[in-house]
Amino acid sequence: MARAAAEDLRRLLLTHSLPTDTPARVRTSLAPLRTFPLLGPALHGRWEGFRFVVGPWRWLILVYRHFPAENRVVVVTIQDARSSSAVTSQ
């Protein structure tokens, strides 16, 4: 997870009063990417090259980038989909 995504998660924990097990829930939501790194839909526009998965709640967007040469996925941001500034697929 990129430093910015970790900061996003810390901020959301505070501002949204999320449960203390949220980091573990996020890891669980990301686990399928180990086997299926292209699982999430591709984003477009300024987010071209990135993908996302939702979880552990429907409103939590986990945006990541897949680096196939390194067999690696990096979460770059975690956002509240309900926010007007959240990443969108369009």
Protein backbone atom coordinates (compact mmCIF):
# COMPACT_ATOMS: atom_id res chain seq x y z
CA MET A 1 0.00 0.00 0.00
CA ALA A 2 1.36 3.41 -0.96
CA ARG A 3 1.94 5.96 1.79
CA ALA A 4 -0.90 8.14 0.44
CA ALA A 5 -3.36 5.22 0.64
CA ALA A 6 -2.29 4.48 4.22
CA GLU A 7 -2.90 8.16 5.06
CA ASP A 8 -6.30 7.99 3.35
CA LEU A 9 -7.22 5.01 5.49
CA ARG A 10 -6.07 6.70 8.71
CA ARG A 11 -8.11 9.79 7.82
CA LEU A 12 -11.22 7.74 7.02
CA LEU A 13 -10.88 5.85 10.31
CA LEU A 14 -11.12 9.14 12.15
CA THR A 15 -13.60 11.09 10.04
CA HIS A 16 -16.01 8.18 9.52
CA SER A 17 -15.66 6.57 12.97
CA LEU A 18 -14.85 3.24 11.36
CA PRO A 19 -14.35 0.11 13.47
CA THR A 20 -10.87 -0.68 14.72
CA ASP A 21 -10.71 -3.81 12.55
CA THR A 22 -11.05 -1.75 9.35
CA PRO A 23 -7.41 -2.28 8.24
CA ALA A 24 -7.92 -6.05 8.49
CA ARG A 25 -11.18 -5.76 6.55
CA VAL A 26 -9.41 -3.76 3.83
CA ARG A 27 -6.69 -6.43 3.59
CA THR A 28 -9.41 -9.07 3.19
CA SER A 29 -11.02 -7.04 0.40
CA LEU A 30 -7.65 -6.78 -1.36
CA ALA A 31 -6.67 -10.45 -0.95
CA PRO A 32 -8.23 -11.67 -4.24
CA LEU A 33 -5.90 -9.32 -6.14
CA ARG A 34 -3.00 -11.64 -5.29
CA THR A 35 -4.51 -14.22 -7.63
CA PHE A 36 -6.55 -11.96 -9.90
CA PRO A 37 -4.73 -8.59 -10.22
CA LEU A 38 -7.03 -7.44 -13.03
CA LEU A 39 -10.17 -8.19 -10.99
CA GLY A 40 -11.26 -4.58 -10.59
CA PRO A 41 -12.69 -2.47 -13.40
CA ALA A 42 -10.30 -0.18 -15.23
CA LEU A 43 -10.58 3.54 -14.63
CA HIS A 44 -10.42 6.13 -17.41
CA GLY A 45 -9.51 9.76 -17.94
CA ARG A 46 -6.99 11.10 -15.48
CA TRP A 47 -7.08 7.70 -13.72
CA GLU A 48 -6.12 5.74 -16.86
CA GLY A 49 -3.94 2.76 -15.93
CA PHE A 50 -5.56 2.31 -12.53
CA ARG A 51 -8.24 -0.14 -11.40
CA PHE A 52 -10.44 -0.35 -8.33
CA VAL A 53 -12.22 -2.77 -6.04
CA VAL A 54 -14.93 -1.98 -3.54
CA GLY A 55 -14.80 -2.96 0.05
CA PRO A 56 -15.15 -3.73 2.81
CA TRP A 57 -18.20 -1.47 2.46
CA ARG A 58 -19.94 -0.60 -0.81
CA TRP A 59 -18.93 3.03 -0.47
CA LEU A 60 -15.19 2.41 0.07
CA ILE A 61 -13.16 2.52 -3.15
CA LEU A 62 -9.70 0.91 -3.14
CA VAL A 63 -7.80 2.23 -6.17
CA TYR A 64 -4.76 0.28 -7.27
CA ARG A 65 -2.23 -0.13 -10.03
CA HIS A 66 -1.02 -3.48 -11.33
CA PHE A 67 2.65 -3.87 -12.28
CA PRO A 68 2.72 -7.15 -14.25
CA ALA A 69 6.50 -7.20 -14.78
CA GLU A 70 6.94 -7.16 -11.01
CA ASN A 71 3.86 -9.30 -10.28
CA ARG A 72 2.79 -6.57 -7.87
CA VAL A 73 -0.32 -4.55 -7.02
CA VAL A 74 -0.07 -1.21 -5.20
CA VAL A 75 -3.05 0.49 -3.60
CA VAL A 76 -2.63 4.20 -4.36
CA THR A 77 -5.70 5.73 -2.72
CA ILE A 78 -8.69 4.78 -0.60
CA GLN A 79 -11.75 6.96 -1.04
CA ASP A 80 -15.35 7.37 0.05
CA ALA A 81 -17.39 6.87 -3.15
CA ARG A 82 -20.07 9.16 -1.77
CA SER A 83 -17.71 12.13 -1.85
CA SER A 84 -18.04 14.57 -4.75
CA SER A 85 -14.26 14.37 -5.25
CA ALA A 86 -14.07 10.54 -5.37
CA VAL A 87 -12.54 8.64 -8.26
CA THR A 88 -15.07 7.76 -10.94
CA SER A 89 -14.92 5.36 -13.86
CA GLN A 90 -15.85 8.10 -16.34
